[in-house]
Amino acid sequence: MTAWLALAAAIGSEVVATLSLRTAAHGRRRWYAVVVTGYVAAFALLSVSLAHGMPLGVAYGVWTATGVAITAVASRVLFDEPLTPVMAAGIALIAGGVLLVELGAH
């Protein structure tokens, strides 16, 4: 369970860093500190997940797919960016692919 908790924390850190990057890129340079801290934390937590036995393919697949989905929804809410039905279908396909990778690992 520790591997999954570390992975969840890695995903949260990466999403915060990515959303902060959007803010920093639009003139709020102080947010770059959050960006760097978030990405460093994300990779450190991903390595903790791997150290606790999670396979790399599973960890990276879940990390990226979940990050994409959460970032897309959050950027819609926070920045009023588009989230079309086609984009939602793409997110669903990514999630399905990651699920197949996870099931195939067992």
C-alpha atoms as a PDB file:
ATOM      1  CA  MET A   1       0.000   0.000   0.000  1.00  0.00           C
ATOM      2  CA  THR A   2       2.923   2.348   0.624  1.00  0.00           C
ATOM      3  CA  ALA A   3       3.832   2.180  -3.062  1.00  0.00           C
ATOM      4  CA  TRP A   4       0.331   3.328  -4.038  1.00  0.00           C
ATOM      5  CA  LEU A   5       0.302   6.135  -1.464  1.00  0.00           C
ATOM      6  CA  ALA A   6       3.668   7.372  -2.706  1.00  0.00           C
ATOM      7  CA  LEU A   7       2.393   7.216  -6.280  1.00  0.00           C
ATOM      8  CA  ALA A   8      -0.743   9.177  -5.357  1.00  0.00           C
ATOM      9  CA  ALA A   9       1.420  11.828  -3.704  1.00  0.00           C
ATOM     10  CA  ALA A  10       3.681  11.903  -6.787  1.00  0.00           C
ATOM     11  CA  ILE A  11       0.648  12.480  -9.002  1.00  0.00           C
ATOM     12  CA  GLY A  12      -0.613  15.271  -6.752  1.00  0.00           C
ATOM     13  CA  SER A  13       2.798  16.957  -6.736  1.00  0.00           C
ATOM     14  CA  GLU A  14       3.112  16.725 -10.504  1.00  0.00           C
ATOM     15  CA  VAL A  15      -0.365  18.156 -11.089  1.00  0.00           C
ATOM     16  CA  VAL A  16       0.283  21.069  -8.718  1.00  0.00           C
ATOM     17  CA  ALA A  17       3.610  21.731 -10.452  1.00  0.00           C
ATOM     18  CA  THR A  18       2.036  21.650 -13.913  1.00  0.00           C
ATOM     19  CA  LEU A  19      -0.838  23.947 -12.968  1.00  0.00           C
ATOM     20  CA  SER A  20       1.659  26.291 -11.311  1.00  0.00           C
ATOM     21  CA  LEU A  21       3.709  26.302 -14.501  1.00  0.00           C
ATOM     22  CA  ARG A  22       0.682  27.675 -16.341  1.00  0.00           C
ATOM     23  CA  THR A  23       0.425  30.461 -13.759  1.00  0.00           C
ATOM     24  CA  ALA A  24       4.158  31.198 -13.777  1.00  0.00           C
ATOM     25  CA  ALA A  25       4.306  31.316 -17.575  1.00  0.00           C
ATOM     26  CA  HIS A  26       1.711  34.080 -17.568  1.00  0.00           C
ATOM     27  CA  GLY A  27       3.791  36.546 -15.596  1.00  0.00           C
ATOM     28  CA  ARG A  28       3.707  35.376 -11.993  1.00  0.00           C
ATOM     29  CA  ARG A  29       7.353  34.339 -11.789  1.00  0.00           C
ATOM     30  CA  ARG A  30       7.237  33.503  -8.087  1.00  0.00           C
ATOM     31  CA  TRP A  31       5.231  30.428  -8.998  1.00  0.00           C
ATOM     32  CA  TYR A  32       8.345  28.886 -10.568  1.00  0.00           C
ATOM     33  CA  ALA A  33       9.419  27.966  -7.023  1.00  0.00           C
ATOM     34  CA  VAL A  34       6.244  25.866  -6.725  1.00  0.00           C
ATOM     35  CA  VAL A  35       6.908  24.365 -10.155  1.00  0.00           C
ATOM     36  CA  VAL A  36      10.436  23.235  -9.294  1.00  0.00           C
ATOM     37  CA  THR A  37       9.474  21.999  -5.834  1.00  0.00           C
ATOM     38  CA  GLY A  38       6.485  20.097  -7.199  1.00  0.00           C
ATOM     39  CA  TYR A  39       8.420  18.337  -9.954  1.00  0.00           C
ATOM     40  CA  VAL A  40      11.299  17.412  -7.643  1.00  0.00           C
ATOM     41  CA  ALA A  41       8.814  16.034  -5.107  1.00  0.00           C
ATOM     42  CA  ALA A  42       6.955  14.140  -7.841  1.00  0.00           C
ATOM     43  CA  PHE A  43      10.082  12.339  -9.051  1.00  0.00           C
ATOM     44  CA  ALA A  44      11.245  11.631  -5.497  1.00  0.00           C
ATOM     45  CA  LEU A  45       7.854  10.149  -4.614  1.00  0.00           C
ATOM     46  CA  LEU A  46       7.770   8.143  -7.835  1.00  0.00           C
ATOM     47  CA  SER A  47      11.124   6.642  -6.863  1.00  0.00           C
ATOM     48  CA  VAL A  48       9.701   5.760  -3.431  1.00  0.00           C
ATOM     49  CA  SER A  49       6.873   3.959  -5.174  1.00  0.00           C
ATOM     50  CA  LEU A  50       9.347   2.016  -7.306  1.00  0.00           C
ATOM     51  CA  ALA A  51      11.514   1.233  -4.272  1.00  0.00           C
ATOM     52  CA  HIS A  52       8.471  -0.365  -2.633  1.00  0.00           C
ATOM     53  CA  GLY A  53       8.115  -2.799  -5.514  1.00  0.00           C
ATOM     54  CA  MET A  54       5.725  -1.175  -7.950  1.00  0.00           C
ATOM     55  CA  PRO A  55       6.653  -2.098 -11.552  1.00  0.00           C
ATOM     56  CA  LEU A  56       7.901   0.877 -13.579  1.00  0.00           C
ATOM     57  CA  GLY A  57       5.403   0.376 -16.414  1.00  0.00           C
ATOM     58  CA  VAL A  58       2.482   0.369 -14.023  1.00  0.00           C
ATOM     59  CA  ALA A  59       3.748   3.299 -11.950  1.00  0.00           C
ATOM     60  CA  TYR A  60       4.560   5.474 -14.941  1.00  0.00           C
ATOM     61  CA  GLY A  61       1.354   4.605 -16.758  1.00  0.00           C
ATOM     62  CA  VAL A  62      -0.859   5.379 -13.780  1.00  0.00           C
ATOM     63  CA  TRP A  63       1.151   8.521 -13.004  1.00  0.00           C
ATOM     64  CA  THR A  64       0.918   9.970 -16.497  1.00  0.00           C
ATOM     65  CA  ALA A  65      -2.680   8.984 -17.228  1.00  0.00           C
ATOM     66  CA  THR A  66      -4.000  10.218 -13.915  1.00  0.00           C
ATOM     67  CA  GLY A  67      -1.931  13.380 -14.209  1.00  0.00           C
ATOM     68  CA  VAL A  68      -3.290  14.082 -17.690  1.00  0.00           C
ATOM     69  CA  ALA A  69      -6.886  13.552 -16.590  1.00  0.00           C
ATOM     70  CA  ILE A  70      -6.655  15.656 -13.426  1.00  0.00           C
ATOM     71  CA  THR A  71      -4.691  18.414 -15.165  1.00  0.00           C
ATOM     72  CA  ALA A  72      -7.204  18.603 -18.024  1.00  0.00           C
ATOM     73  CA  VAL A  73     -10.156  18.899 -15.651  1.00  0.00           C
ATOM     74  CA  ALA A  74      -8.367  21.313 -13.306  1.00  0.00           C
ATOM     75  CA  SER A  75      -7.226  23.542 -16.173  1.00  0.00           C
ATOM     76  CA  ARG A  76     -10.839  23.677 -17.345  1.00  0.00           C
ATOM     77  CA  VAL A  77     -11.989  24.749 -13.875  1.00  0.00           C
ATOM     78  CA  LEU A  78      -9.092  27.053 -12.996  1.00  0.00           C
ATOM     79  CA  PHE A  79      -8.135  28.555 -16.354  1.00  0.00           C
ATOM     80  CA  ASP A  80     -11.327  28.085 -18.414  1.00  0.00           C
ATOM     81  CA  GLU A  81      -9.422  25.995 -20.964  1.00  0.00           C
ATOM     82  CA  PRO A  82     -11.370  23.722 -23.293  1.00  0.00           C
ATOM     83  CA  LEU A  83     -12.384  20.192 -22.339  1.00  0.00           C
ATOM     84  CA  THR A  84     -14.340  18.872 -25.289  1.00  0.00           C
ATOM     85  CA  PRO A  85     -16.116  15.538 -25.593  1.00  0.00           C
ATOM     86  CA  VAL A  86     -13.331  14.349 -27.905  1.00  0.00           C
ATOM     87  CA  MET A  87     -10.739  15.284 -25.256  1.00  0.00           C
ATOM     88  CA  ALA A  88     -12.790  13.454 -22.608  1.00  0.00           C
ATOM     89  CA  ALA A  89     -12.910  10.385 -24.857  1.00  0.00           C
ATOM     90  CA  GLY A  90      -9.129  10.568 -25.215  1.00  0.00           C
ATOM     91  CA  ILE A  91      -8.741  10.679 -21.450  1.00  0.00           C
ATOM     92  CA  ALA A  92     -11.026   7.653 -21.147  1.00  0.00           C
ATOM     93  CA  LEU A  93      -8.944   5.761 -23.722  1.00  0.00           C
ATOM     94  CA  ILE A  94      -5.745   6.589 -21.843  1.00  0.00           C
ATOM     95  CA  ALA A  95      -7.311   5.376 -18.594  1.00  0.00           C
ATOM     96  CA  GLY A  96      -8.426   2.163 -20.294  1.00  0.00           C
ATOM     97  CA  GLY A  97      -4.936   1.578 -21.645  1.00  0.00           C
ATOM     98  CA  VAL A  98      -3.386   2.074 -18.228  1.00  0.00           C
ATOM     99  CA  LEU A  99      -5.921  -0.331 -16.739  1.00  0.00           C
ATOM    100  CA  LEU A 100      -4.873  -2.950 -19.285  1.00  0.00           C
ATOM    101  CA  VAL A 101      -1.201  -2.398 -18.406  1.00  0.00           C
ATOM    102  CA  GLU A 102      -2.038  -2.820 -14.709  1.00  0.00           C
ATOM    103  CA  LEU A 103      -4.074  -5.987 -15.334  1.00  0.00           C
ATOM    104  CA  GLY A 104      -1.350  -7.380 -17.549  1.00  0.00           C
ATOM    105  CA  ALA A 105       1.229  -6.932 -14.797  1.00  0.00           C
ATOM    106  CA  HIS A 106      -0.465  -9.590 -12.636  1.00  0.00           C
END
